[in-house]
Amino acid sequence: MLKVLGITFIGFQAVDAFLTVWAVNNGFTELNPLLAPVAGTWVSPVVKILPAVFAVWLFAKAAGRWPRTRPVANAGFTVAVAFLGAVVVSNLCEL
């Protein structure tokens, strides 16, 4: 379950990152003040995807080492995937 949630999380982050780059390059404004300076560049996907990969790796490592943390990791990634799914759908509706 954690593997599927992790891959989905990274996938949604990638979709969100590339949608952001496309949108900013086509006249939309990035509302996140931390990401706004790099939103239309190649740095934006890197800043969004690499931390997601690291988080998935870290939680998978922890869940393998301490099996009792697996339900917490599953719950956390379930919430994150649901949130990012809503963000991606919302962004697509804005286009």
C-alpha atoms as a PDB file:
ATOM      1  CA  MET A   1       0.000   0.000   0.000  1.00  0.00           C
ATOM      2  CA  LEU A   2       2.780   2.418   0.924  1.00  0.00           C
ATOM      3  CA  LYS A   3       4.531   1.826  -2.400  1.00  0.00           C
ATOM      4  CA  VAL A   4       1.388   2.648  -4.401  1.00  0.00           C
ATOM      5  CA  LEU A   5       0.667   5.731  -2.284  1.00  0.00           C
ATOM      6  CA  GLY A   6       4.285   6.892  -2.623  1.00  0.00           C
ATOM      7  CA  ILE A   7       4.305   6.516  -6.403  1.00  0.00           C
ATOM      8  CA  THR A   8       0.941   8.290  -6.625  1.00  0.00           C
ATOM      9  CA  PHE A   9       2.240  11.091  -4.393  1.00  0.00           C
ATOM     10  CA  ILE A  10       5.315  11.596  -6.581  1.00  0.00           C
ATOM     11  CA  GLY A  11       3.165  11.414  -9.711  1.00  0.00           C
ATOM     12  CA  PHE A  12       0.774  14.095  -8.453  1.00  0.00           C
ATOM     13  CA  GLN A  13       3.724  16.280  -7.464  1.00  0.00           C
ATOM     14  CA  ALA A  14       5.166  15.904 -10.968  1.00  0.00           C
ATOM     15  CA  VAL A  15       1.838  16.696 -12.640  1.00  0.00           C
ATOM     16  CA  ASP A  16       1.376  19.717 -10.379  1.00  0.00           C
ATOM     17  CA  ALA A  17       4.920  20.922 -11.068  1.00  0.00           C
ATOM     18  CA  PHE A  18       4.628  20.683 -14.840  1.00  0.00           C
ATOM     19  CA  LEU A  19       1.145  22.215 -14.834  1.00  0.00           C
ATOM     20  CA  THR A  20       2.567  25.101 -12.810  1.00  0.00           C
ATOM     21  CA  VAL A  21       5.413  25.640 -15.280  1.00  0.00           C
ATOM     22  CA  TRP A  22       3.009  25.525 -18.206  1.00  0.00           C
ATOM     23  CA  ALA A  23       0.485  27.836 -16.539  1.00  0.00           C
ATOM     24  CA  VAL A  24       3.058  30.454 -15.514  1.00  0.00           C
ATOM     25  CA  ASN A  25       4.575  30.419 -19.003  1.00  0.00           C
ATOM     26  CA  ASN A  26       1.078  30.997 -20.431  1.00  0.00           C
ATOM     27  CA  GLY A  27       0.141  34.024 -18.350  1.00  0.00           C
ATOM     28  CA  PHE A  28      -1.132  32.564 -15.083  1.00  0.00           C
ATOM     29  CA  THR A  29       0.255  33.730 -11.731  1.00  0.00           C
ATOM     30  CA  GLU A  30       1.797  31.425  -9.135  1.00  0.00           C
ATOM     31  CA  LEU A  31       0.111  32.155  -5.811  1.00  0.00           C
ATOM     32  CA  ASN A  32       2.652  30.356  -3.628  1.00  0.00           C
ATOM     33  CA  PRO A  33       5.104  33.110  -2.599  1.00  0.00           C
ATOM     34  CA  LEU A  34       7.883  30.595  -1.929  1.00  0.00           C
ATOM     35  CA  LEU A  35       7.636  29.036  -5.385  1.00  0.00           C
ATOM     36  CA  ALA A  36       6.741  32.170  -7.367  1.00  0.00           C
ATOM     37  CA  PRO A  37      10.353  33.234  -8.155  1.00  0.00           C
ATOM     38  CA  VAL A  38      11.104  29.914  -9.902  1.00  0.00           C
ATOM     39  CA  ALA A  39       7.607  28.922 -11.044  1.00  0.00           C
ATOM     40  CA  GLY A  40       8.143  29.263 -14.791  1.00  0.00           C
ATOM     41  CA  THR A  41      11.584  27.639 -14.895  1.00  0.00           C
ATOM     42  CA  TRP A  42      13.034  24.132 -14.856  1.00  0.00           C
ATOM     43  CA  VAL A  43      13.813  24.643 -11.156  1.00  0.00           C
ATOM     44  CA  SER A  44      10.124  24.408 -10.211  1.00  0.00           C
ATOM     45  CA  PRO A  45       9.709  20.684 -10.979  1.00  0.00           C
ATOM     46  CA  VAL A  46      13.005  19.921  -9.258  1.00  0.00           C
ATOM     47  CA  VAL A  47      11.950  21.839  -6.131  1.00  0.00           C
ATOM     48  CA  LYS A  48       8.639  19.963  -6.028  1.00  0.00           C
ATOM     49  CA  ILE A  49       9.596  16.449  -7.139  1.00  0.00           C
ATOM     50  CA  LEU A  50      12.912  15.852  -5.337  1.00  0.00           C
ATOM     51  CA  PRO A  51      11.509  16.521  -1.843  1.00  0.00           C
ATOM     52  CA  ALA A  52       8.577  14.222  -2.675  1.00  0.00           C
ATOM     53  CA  VAL A  53      10.971  11.443  -3.696  1.00  0.00           C
ATOM     54  CA  PHE A  54      13.000  12.003  -0.522  1.00  0.00           C
ATOM     55  CA  ALA A  55       9.860  11.921   1.668  1.00  0.00           C
ATOM     56  CA  VAL A  56       8.661   8.677   0.086  1.00  0.00           C
ATOM     57  CA  TRP A  57      12.089   7.116   0.490  1.00  0.00           C
ATOM     58  CA  LEU A  58      12.330   8.256   4.116  1.00  0.00           C
ATOM     59  CA  PHE A  59       8.867   6.986   5.071  1.00  0.00           C
ATOM     60  CA  ALA A  60       9.430   3.671   3.253  1.00  0.00           C
ATOM     61  CA  LYS A  61      12.749   3.257   5.054  1.00  0.00           C
ATOM     62  CA  ALA A  62      11.140   4.023   8.415  1.00  0.00           C
ATOM     63  CA  ALA A  63       8.215   1.678   7.734  1.00  0.00           C
ATOM     64  CA  GLY A  64      10.636  -1.102   6.851  1.00  0.00           C
ATOM     65  CA  ARG A  65      12.752  -0.564   9.930  1.00  0.00           C
ATOM     66  CA  TRP A  66       9.909   0.074  12.372  1.00  0.00           C
ATOM     67  CA  PRO A  67       6.820  -1.803  11.157  1.00  0.00           C
ATOM     68  CA  ARG A  68       4.583  -0.017  13.668  1.00  0.00           C
ATOM     69  CA  THR A  69       5.112   3.223  11.727  1.00  0.00           C
ATOM     70  CA  ARG A  70       3.602   1.735   8.561  1.00  0.00           C
ATOM     71  CA  PRO A  71      -0.022   2.690   9.396  1.00  0.00           C
ATOM     72  CA  VAL A  72       1.089   6.247  10.174  1.00  0.00           C
ATOM     73  CA  ALA A  73       2.975   6.479   6.874  1.00  0.00           C
ATOM     74  CA  ASN A  74      -0.016   5.039   4.997  1.00  0.00           C
ATOM     75  CA  ALA A  75      -2.385   7.511   6.641  1.00  0.00           C
ATOM     76  CA  GLY A  76      -0.068  10.447   5.968  1.00  0.00           C
ATOM     77  CA  PHE A  77       0.396   9.601   2.327  1.00  0.00           C
ATOM     78  CA  THR A  78      -3.327   8.927   1.914  1.00  0.00           C
ATOM     79  CA  VAL A  79      -4.069  12.451   3.125  1.00  0.00           C
ATOM     80  CA  ALA A  80      -1.269  13.915   0.993  1.00  0.00           C
ATOM     81  CA  VAL A  81      -2.441  12.059  -2.129  1.00  0.00           C
ATOM     82  CA  ALA A  82      -6.039  13.171  -1.566  1.00  0.00           C
ATOM     83  CA  PHE A  83      -4.931  16.783  -1.097  1.00  0.00           C
ATOM     84  CA  LEU A  84      -2.647  16.787  -4.143  1.00  0.00           C
ATOM     85  CA  GLY A  85      -5.325  15.088  -6.208  1.00  0.00           C
ATOM     86  CA  ALA A  86      -7.709  17.895  -5.288  1.00  0.00           C
ATOM     87  CA  VAL A  87      -5.032  20.488  -6.146  1.00  0.00           C
ATOM     88  CA  VAL A  88      -4.391  18.925  -9.561  1.00  0.00           C
ATOM     89  CA  VAL A  89      -8.129  18.719 -10.344  1.00  0.00           C
ATOM     90  CA  SER A  90      -8.587  22.302  -9.183  1.00  0.00           C
ATOM     91  CA  ASN A  91      -5.694  23.473 -11.370  1.00  0.00           C
ATOM     92  CA  LEU A  92      -7.076  21.632 -14.376  1.00  0.00           C
ATOM     93  CA  CYS A  93     -10.490  23.254 -13.817  1.00  0.00           C
ATOM     94  CA  GLU A  94      -8.828  26.695 -13.811  1.00  0.00           C
ATOM     95  CA  LEU A  95      -7.309  26.099 -17.235  1.00  0.00           C
END
